[in-house]
């Protein structure tokens, strides 16, 4: 190996070693934990019209209060009165599918919603879903 290091490089290296300032370690992963302000609503026993009004008000109020994660419990529909109505499928619950559809079709709500997805089992599983709201500016 040759010792063709300039005097300037030697001086810069010496200054670097004596300086307390350190370079950030690029190999170290920085885990940024996202914290959620969470609020939940349970729509069990609501009619379709009541549920749609309630969920719209709930989303708008939560957005105003800078809540960013909503848990919406609709239930699985196993106790709904669908079997009494011959025009409604007995395989579909009323609120489980219609509330997310109502939200998706409401342009004002979709402007403030970042994402909707199924809930984890501890938050209601198949009978619930999450709504993640955008940050309020």
N, C-alpha and C. Protein backbone atom coordinates (compact mmCIF):
# COMPACT_ATOMS: atom_id res chain seq x y z
N UNK A 1 0.84 -1.17 0.00
CA UNK A 1 0.00 0.00 0.00
C UNK A 1 0.89 1.24 0.00
N UNK A 2 0.47 2.19 -0.73
CA UNK A 2 1.29 3.40 -0.82
C UNK A 2 0.83 4.44 0.18
N UNK A 3 1.76 5.27 0.59
CA UNK A 3 1.47 6.34 1.53
C UNK A 3 1.35 7.67 0.81
N UNK A 4 0.51 7.69 -0.21
CA UNK A 4 0.33 8.91 -0.99
C UNK A 4 -0.88 9.72 -0.48
N UNK A 5 -0.94 9.92 0.79
CA UNK A 5 -2.03 10.70 1.38
C UNK A 5 -1.55 12.13 1.53
N UNK A 6 -2.34 13.04 1.02
CA UNK A 6 -1.93 14.44 1.06
C UNK A 6 -1.97 14.97 2.49
N UNK A 7 -1.24 16.03 2.71
CA UNK A 7 -1.21 16.66 4.03
C UNK A 7 -2.59 17.20 4.41
N UNK A 8 -3.31 17.68 3.41
CA UNK A 8 -4.66 18.20 3.68
C UNK A 8 -5.57 17.08 4.17
N UNK A 9 -5.51 15.90 3.53
CA UNK A 9 -6.32 14.77 3.95
C UNK A 9 -5.97 14.33 5.37
N UNK A 10 -4.67 14.31 5.68
CA UNK A 10 -4.24 13.93 7.03
C UNK A 10 -4.79 14.91 8.07
N UNK A 11 -4.73 16.19 7.72
CA UNK A 11 -5.22 17.23 8.64
C UNK A 11 -6.73 17.09 8.83
N UNK A 12 -7.48 16.87 7.73
CA UNK A 12 -8.93 16.70 7.81
C UNK A 12 -9.30 15.47 8.65
N UNK A 13 -8.55 14.40 8.49
CA UNK A 13 -8.81 13.18 9.26
C UNK A 13 -8.56 13.41 10.74
N UNK A 14 -7.50 14.11 11.06
CA UNK A 14 -7.19 14.43 12.46
C UNK A 14 -8.30 15.29 13.07
N UNK A 15 -8.77 16.28 12.32
CA UNK A 15 -9.85 17.15 12.79
C UNK A 15 -11.13 16.35 13.02
N UNK A 16 -11.41 15.43 12.13
CA UNK A 16 -12.60 14.60 12.25
C UNK A 16 -12.55 13.75 13.51
N UNK A 17 -11.39 13.12 13.75
CA UNK A 17 -11.26 12.25 14.92
C UNK A 17 -11.34 13.02 16.24
N UNK A 18 -10.83 14.23 16.22
CA UNK A 18 -10.83 15.02 17.46
C UNK A 18 -12.17 15.72 17.70
N UNK A 19 -13.00 15.81 16.69
CA UNK A 19 -14.29 16.48 16.80
C UNK A 19 -15.30 15.56 17.49
N UNK A 20 -16.17 16.10 18.33
CA UNK A 20 -17.19 15.30 19.03
C UNK A 20 -18.37 14.95 18.14
N UNK A 21 -18.52 15.65 17.04
CA UNK A 21 -19.63 15.41 16.13
C UNK A 21 -19.46 14.06 15.43
N UNK A 22 -20.53 13.29 15.40
CA UNK A 22 -20.47 11.96 14.78
C UNK A 22 -21.46 11.88 13.62
N UNK A 23 -21.11 11.07 12.67
CA UNK A 23 -22.01 10.84 11.54
C UNK A 23 -23.10 9.87 11.97
N UNK A 24 -24.32 10.02 11.45
CA UNK A 24 -25.38 9.07 11.79
C UNK A 24 -25.09 7.70 11.20
N UNK A 25 -25.45 6.68 11.94
CA UNK A 25 -25.26 5.31 11.49
C UNK A 25 -26.40 4.94 10.54
N UNK A 26 -26.08 4.81 9.26
CA UNK A 26 -27.10 4.50 8.25
C UNK A 26 -27.60 3.06 8.36
N UNK A 27 -26.80 2.20 8.97
CA UNK A 27 -27.19 0.80 9.09
C UNK A 27 -28.21 0.57 10.21
N UNK A 28 -28.29 1.49 11.12
CA UNK A 28 -29.21 1.34 12.24
C UNK A 28 -30.59 1.79 11.80
N UNK A 29 -31.55 0.89 11.91
CA UNK A 29 -32.91 1.22 11.50
C UNK A 29 -33.58 2.03 12.60
N UNK A 30 -34.26 3.05 12.17
CA UNK A 30 -35.02 3.87 13.11
C UNK A 30 -36.46 3.43 13.01
N UNK A 31 -36.96 2.84 14.08
CA UNK A 31 -38.35 2.41 14.11
C UNK A 31 -39.21 3.58 14.55
N UNK A 32 -40.00 4.04 13.62
CA UNK A 32 -40.89 5.14 13.91
C UNK A 32 -42.26 4.55 14.20
N UNK A 33 -42.64 4.59 15.46
CA UNK A 33 -43.94 4.05 15.83
C UNK A 33 -45.00 5.10 15.60
N UNK A 34 -46.02 4.71 14.89
CA UNK A 34 -47.12 5.61 14.64
C UNK A 34 -48.13 5.42 15.77
N UNK A 35 -48.45 6.48 16.43
CA UNK A 35 -49.45 6.40 17.48
C UNK A 35 -50.78 6.89 16.93
N UNK A 36 -51.81 6.18 17.30
CA UNK A 36 -53.14 6.50 16.81
C UNK A 36 -54.00 7.01 17.95
N UNK A 37 -54.74 8.07 17.67
CA UNK A 37 -55.82 8.48 18.56
C UNK A 37 -57.03 7.72 18.04
N UNK A 38 -57.56 6.85 18.88
CA UNK A 38 -58.59 5.92 18.43
C UNK A 38 -59.93 6.23 19.08
N UNK A 39 -60.98 6.03 18.30
CA UNK A 39 -62.34 6.16 18.80
C UNK A 39 -63.15 5.05 18.14
N UNK A 40 -64.15 4.56 18.85
CA UNK A 40 -64.96 3.45 18.33
C UNK A 40 -66.45 3.80 18.39
N UNK A 41 -67.19 3.18 17.49
CA UNK A 41 -68.65 3.30 17.48
C UNK A 41 -69.24 1.92 17.23
N UNK A 42 -70.29 1.59 17.97
CA UNK A 42 -70.96 0.30 17.83
C UNK A 42 -72.34 0.55 17.23
N UNK A 43 -72.60 -0.03 16.07
CA UNK A 43 -73.85 0.20 15.35
C UNK A 43 -74.85 -0.94 15.53
N UNK A 44 -74.61 -1.83 16.49
CA UNK A 44 -75.57 -2.91 16.75
C UNK A 44 -76.94 -2.32 17.05
N UNK A 45 -77.97 -2.87 16.42
CA UNK A 45 -79.33 -2.46 16.69
C UNK A 45 -79.80 -1.23 15.93
N UNK A 46 -78.93 -0.61 15.15
CA UNK A 46 -79.31 0.56 14.37
C UNK A 46 -80.01 0.12 13.10
N UNK A 47 -80.96 0.94 12.65
CA UNK A 47 -81.51 0.71 11.31
C UNK A 47 -80.48 1.22 10.32
N UNK A 48 -80.67 0.90 9.06
CA UNK A 48 -79.72 1.32 8.02
C UNK A 48 -79.64 2.85 7.96
N UNK A 49 -80.78 3.51 8.02
CA UNK A 49 -80.81 4.97 7.94
C UNK A 49 -80.13 5.60 9.17
N UNK A 50 -80.43 5.07 10.35
CA UNK A 50 -79.80 5.58 11.59
C UNK A 50 -78.29 5.36 11.56
N UNK A 51 -77.88 4.20 11.09
CA UNK A 51 -76.45 3.88 11.04
C UNK A 51 -75.71 4.82 10.10
N UNK A 52 -76.29 5.09 8.94
CA UNK A 52 -75.64 5.97 7.96
C UNK A 52 -75.51 7.40 8.50
N UNK A 53 -76.56 7.91 9.14
CA UNK A 53 -76.49 9.25 9.73
C UNK A 53 -75.45 9.29 10.85
N UNK A 54 -75.48 8.27 11.71
CA UNK A 54 -74.56 8.23 12.85
C UNK A 54 -73.12 8.14 12.40
N UNK A 55 -72.84 7.30 11.41
CA UNK A 55 -71.45 7.11 10.97
C UNK A 55 -70.94 8.37 10.29
N UNK A 56 -71.78 9.06 9.54
CA UNK A 56 -71.36 10.30 8.89
C UNK A 56 -70.99 11.35 9.94
N UNK A 57 -71.86 11.54 10.93
CA UNK A 57 -71.58 12.50 12.01
C UNK A 57 -70.35 12.10 12.81
N UNK A 58 -70.22 10.80 13.07
CA UNK A 58 -69.08 10.28 13.83
C UNK A 58 -67.76 10.54 13.12
N UNK A 59 -67.71 10.31 11.82
CA UNK A 59 -66.48 10.52 11.05
C UNK A 59 -66.13 12.01 11.01
N UNK A 60 -67.10 12.86 10.74
CA UNK A 60 -66.84 14.30 10.65
C UNK A 60 -66.40 14.87 12.00
N UNK A 61 -67.06 14.45 13.07
CA UNK A 61 -66.69 14.93 14.41
C UNK A 61 -65.29 14.45 14.79
N UNK A 62 -64.99 13.21 14.49
CA UNK A 62 -63.66 12.66 14.80
C UNK A 62 -62.58 13.38 14.03
N UNK A 63 -62.84 13.70 12.78
CA UNK A 63 -61.88 14.44 11.96
C UNK A 63 -61.62 15.82 12.56
N UNK A 64 -62.68 16.49 12.99
CA UNK A 64 -62.54 17.81 13.60
C UNK A 64 -61.72 17.74 14.89
N UNK A 65 -61.83 16.63 15.61
CA UNK A 65 -61.12 16.46 16.88
C UNK A 65 -59.75 15.80 16.70
N UNK A 66 -59.32 15.68 15.45
CA UNK A 66 -58.01 15.14 15.08
C UNK A 66 -57.80 13.70 15.54
N UNK A 67 -58.86 12.92 15.52
CA UNK A 67 -58.78 11.47 15.76
C UNK A 67 -58.37 10.85 14.43
N UNK A 68 -57.42 9.88 14.45
CA UNK A 68 -56.96 9.35 13.17
C UNK A 68 -57.28 7.88 12.93
N UNK A 69 -57.83 7.18 13.93
CA UNK A 69 -58.21 5.78 13.73
C UNK A 69 -59.59 5.55 14.34
N UNK A 70 -60.50 5.06 13.51
CA UNK A 70 -61.85 4.77 13.97
C UNK A 70 -62.11 3.28 13.86
N UNK A 71 -62.76 2.74 14.86
CA UNK A 71 -63.19 1.35 14.82
C UNK A 71 -64.71 1.37 14.72
N UNK A 72 -65.22 0.82 13.64
CA UNK A 72 -66.67 0.80 13.41
C UNK A 72 -67.14 -0.64 13.55
N UNK A 73 -67.97 -0.89 14.57
CA UNK A 73 -68.50 -2.23 14.81
C UNK A 73 -69.89 -2.28 14.23
N UNK A 74 -70.06 -3.13 13.23
CA UNK A 74 -71.37 -3.28 12.59
C UNK A 74 -72.03 -4.58 13.02
N UNK A 75 -71.26 -5.51 13.47
CA UNK A 75 -71.77 -6.84 13.75
C UNK A 75 -71.70 -7.68 12.48
N UNK A 76 -71.91 -8.96 12.65
CA UNK A 76 -71.83 -9.86 11.51
C UNK A 76 -73.19 -10.10 10.87
N UNK A 77 -74.23 -9.61 11.49
CA UNK A 77 -75.57 -9.75 10.93
C UNK A 77 -76.24 -11.06 11.27
N UNK A 78 -75.70 -11.82 12.22
CA UNK A 78 -76.31 -13.12 12.53
C UNK A 78 -77.61 -12.97 13.32
N UNK A 79 -77.85 -11.80 13.91
CA UNK A 79 -79.09 -11.58 14.64
C UNK A 79 -80.03 -10.61 13.92
N UNK A 80 -79.69 -10.26 12.69
CA UNK A 80 -80.54 -9.32 11.96
C UNK A 80 -81.84 -10.01 11.55
N UNK A 81 -82.81 -9.22 11.19
CA UNK A 81 -84.14 -9.74 10.85
C UNK A 81 -84.26 -10.02 9.35
N UNK A 82 -83.15 -10.30 8.68
CA UNK A 82 -83.17 -10.54 7.23
C UNK A 82 -84.04 -11.73 6.83
N UNK A 83 -84.05 -12.75 7.67
CA UNK A 83 -84.77 -13.96 7.28
C UNK A 83 -86.28 -13.72 7.15
N UNK A 84 -86.78 -12.64 7.75
CA UNK A 84 -88.20 -12.32 7.65
C UNK A 84 -88.55 -11.60 6.34
N UNK A 85 -87.54 -11.08 5.66
CA UNK A 85 -87.78 -10.34 4.42
C UNK A 85 -87.41 -11.24 3.23
N UNK A 86 -88.37 -11.64 2.42
CA UNK A 86 -88.08 -12.56 1.32
C UNK A 86 -87.25 -11.92 0.20
N UNK A 87 -87.13 -10.59 0.19
CA UNK A 87 -86.39 -9.91 -0.87
C UNK A 87 -84.93 -9.65 -0.51
N UNK A 88 -84.52 -10.00 0.69
CA UNK A 88 -83.15 -9.77 1.14
C UNK A 88 -82.46 -11.11 1.31
N UNK A 89 -81.23 -11.20 0.85
CA UNK A 89 -80.47 -12.44 0.97
C UNK A 89 -80.21 -12.76 2.44
N UNK A 90 -80.40 -14.00 2.81
CA UNK A 90 -80.14 -14.41 4.19
C UNK A 90 -78.64 -14.53 4.46
N UNK A 91 -77.82 -14.53 3.39
CA UNK A 91 -76.37 -14.64 3.54
C UNK A 91 -75.71 -13.29 3.81
N UNK A 92 -76.43 -12.21 3.59
CA UNK A 92 -75.83 -10.88 3.76
C UNK A 92 -76.43 -10.19 4.97
N UNK A 93 -75.56 -9.59 5.76
CA UNK A 93 -76.06 -8.76 6.85
C UNK A 93 -76.31 -7.37 6.29
N UNK A 94 -77.13 -6.62 6.97
CA UNK A 94 -77.50 -5.31 6.44
C UNK A 94 -76.35 -4.31 6.60
N UNK A 95 -75.91 -4.08 7.85
CA UNK A 95 -74.95 -3.01 8.11
C UNK A 95 -73.53 -3.37 7.70
N UNK A 96 -73.17 -4.63 7.81
CA UNK A 96 -71.79 -5.04 7.54
C UNK A 96 -71.32 -4.61 6.14
N UNK A 97 -72.20 -4.66 5.17
CA UNK A 97 -71.82 -4.31 3.80
C UNK A 97 -72.32 -2.93 3.38
N UNK A 98 -73.47 -2.52 3.91
CA UNK A 98 -74.04 -1.26 3.45
C UNK A 98 -73.37 -0.03 4.06
N UNK A 99 -72.88 -0.11 5.30
CA UNK A 99 -72.22 1.06 5.91
C UNK A 99 -70.91 1.40 5.17
N UNK A 100 -70.02 0.42 4.92
CA UNK A 100 -68.82 0.76 4.14
C UNK A 100 -69.16 1.26 2.73
N UNK A 101 -70.22 0.71 2.14
CA UNK A 101 -70.63 1.16 0.81
C UNK A 101 -71.14 2.61 0.87
N UNK A 102 -71.91 2.93 1.91
CA UNK A 102 -72.39 4.30 2.09
C UNK A 102 -71.22 5.27 2.22
N UNK A 103 -70.21 4.88 3.00
CA UNK A 103 -69.03 5.73 3.20
C UNK A 103 -68.28 5.90 1.88
N UNK A 104 -68.07 4.81 1.16
CA UNK A 104 -67.34 4.85 -0.11
C UNK A 104 -68.03 5.72 -1.16
N UNK A 105 -69.35 5.79 -1.11
CA UNK A 105 -70.10 6.57 -2.08
C UNK A 105 -70.28 8.03 -1.66
N UNK A 106 -69.87 8.37 -0.45
CA UNK A 106 -70.00 9.74 0.05
C UNK A 106 -68.69 10.48 -0.22
N UNK A 107 -68.70 11.35 -1.21
CA UNK A 107 -67.47 12.04 -1.63
C UNK A 107 -66.89 12.93 -0.54
N UNK A 108 -67.75 13.58 0.26
CA UNK A 108 -67.26 14.43 1.34
C UNK A 108 -66.50 13.64 2.38
N UNK A 109 -66.99 12.44 2.70
CA UNK A 109 -66.29 11.60 3.68
C UNK A 109 -64.99 11.04 3.10
N UNK A 110 -65.03 10.65 1.83
CA UNK A 110 -63.85 10.04 1.23
C UNK A 110 -62.70 11.05 1.09
N UNK A 111 -62.99 12.34 1.09
CA UNK A 111 -61.94 13.36 1.03
C UNK A 111 -61.09 13.37 2.29
N UNK A 112 -61.67 12.94 3.40
CA UNK A 112 -60.93 12.98 4.67
C UNK A 112 -60.48 11.59 5.14
N UNK A 113 -60.84 10.56 4.37
CA UNK A 113 -60.47 9.19 4.74
C UNK A 113 -59.23 8.77 3.96
N UNK A 114 -58.26 8.25 4.72
CA UNK A 114 -57.02 7.76 4.12
C UNK A 114 -57.18 6.32 3.67
N UNK A 115 -57.82 5.49 4.53
CA UNK A 115 -57.94 4.06 4.21
C UNK A 115 -59.05 3.44 5.05
N UNK A 116 -59.70 2.43 4.47
CA UNK A 116 -60.66 1.60 5.22
C UNK A 116 -60.22 0.16 5.04
N UNK A 117 -60.21 -0.61 6.15
CA UNK A 117 -59.85 -2.02 6.04
C UNK A 117 -60.48 -2.82 7.17
N UNK A 118 -60.51 -4.14 7.01
CA UNK A 118 -61.11 -5.03 8.00
C UNK A 118 -60.36 -4.94 9.33
N UNK A 119 -61.12 -5.09 10.41
CA UNK A 119 -60.55 -4.99 11.75
C UNK A 119 -59.86 -6.30 12.14
N UNK A 120 -58.90 -6.18 13.05
CA UNK A 120 -58.25 -7.35 13.63
C UNK A 120 -59.25 -8.03 14.56
N UNK A 121 -58.99 -9.29 14.85
CA UNK A 121 -59.92 -10.08 15.66
C UNK A 121 -60.18 -9.45 17.02
N UNK A 122 -59.16 -8.82 17.62
CA UNK A 122 -59.35 -8.22 18.96
C UNK A 122 -60.23 -6.97 18.93
N UNK A 123 -60.44 -6.41 17.75
CA UNK A 123 -61.29 -5.22 17.61
C UNK A 123 -62.65 -5.53 16.98
N UNK A 124 -62.95 -6.79 16.81
CA UNK A 124 -64.26 -7.15 16.26
C UNK A 124 -64.21 -8.05 15.06
N UNK A 125 -63.03 -8.26 14.48
CA UNK A 125 -62.86 -9.18 13.36
C UNK A 125 -63.80 -8.91 12.21
N UNK A 126 -64.55 -9.93 11.81
CA UNK A 126 -65.45 -9.82 10.66
C UNK A 126 -66.65 -8.93 10.89
N UNK A 127 -66.90 -8.55 12.15
CA UNK A 127 -68.03 -7.69 12.45
C UNK A 127 -67.64 -6.24 12.63
N UNK A 128 -66.43 -5.88 12.20
CA UNK A 128 -65.96 -4.50 12.37
C UNK A 128 -64.97 -4.15 11.28
N UNK A 129 -64.71 -2.85 11.14
CA UNK A 129 -63.68 -2.40 10.20
C UNK A 129 -63.06 -1.11 10.73
N UNK A 130 -61.88 -0.80 10.19
CA UNK A 130 -61.16 0.40 10.58
C UNK A 130 -61.35 1.48 9.52
N UNK A 131 -61.35 2.71 10.00
CA UNK A 131 -61.28 3.86 9.11
C UNK A 131 -60.10 4.69 9.60
N UNK A 132 -59.15 4.94 8.72
CA UNK A 132 -58.00 5.78 9.05
C UNK A 132 -58.22 7.13 8.38
N UNK A 133 -58.23 8.18 9.20
CA UNK A 133 -58.51 9.52 8.69
C UNK A 133 -57.21 10.25 8.34
N UNK A 134 -57.31 11.13 7.37
CA UNK A 134 -56.16 11.97 7.00
C UNK A 134 -55.94 12.99 8.12
N UNK A 135 -54.75 13.58 8.12
CA UNK A 135 -54.45 14.62 9.10
C UNK A 135 -55.24 15.87 8.76
N UNK A 136 -55.78 16.48 9.81
CA UNK A 136 -56.52 17.73 9.62
C UNK A 136 -55.53 18.86 9.47
N UNK A 137 -55.69 19.63 8.43
CA UNK A 137 -54.75 20.72 8.16
C UNK A 137 -55.19 21.98 8.88
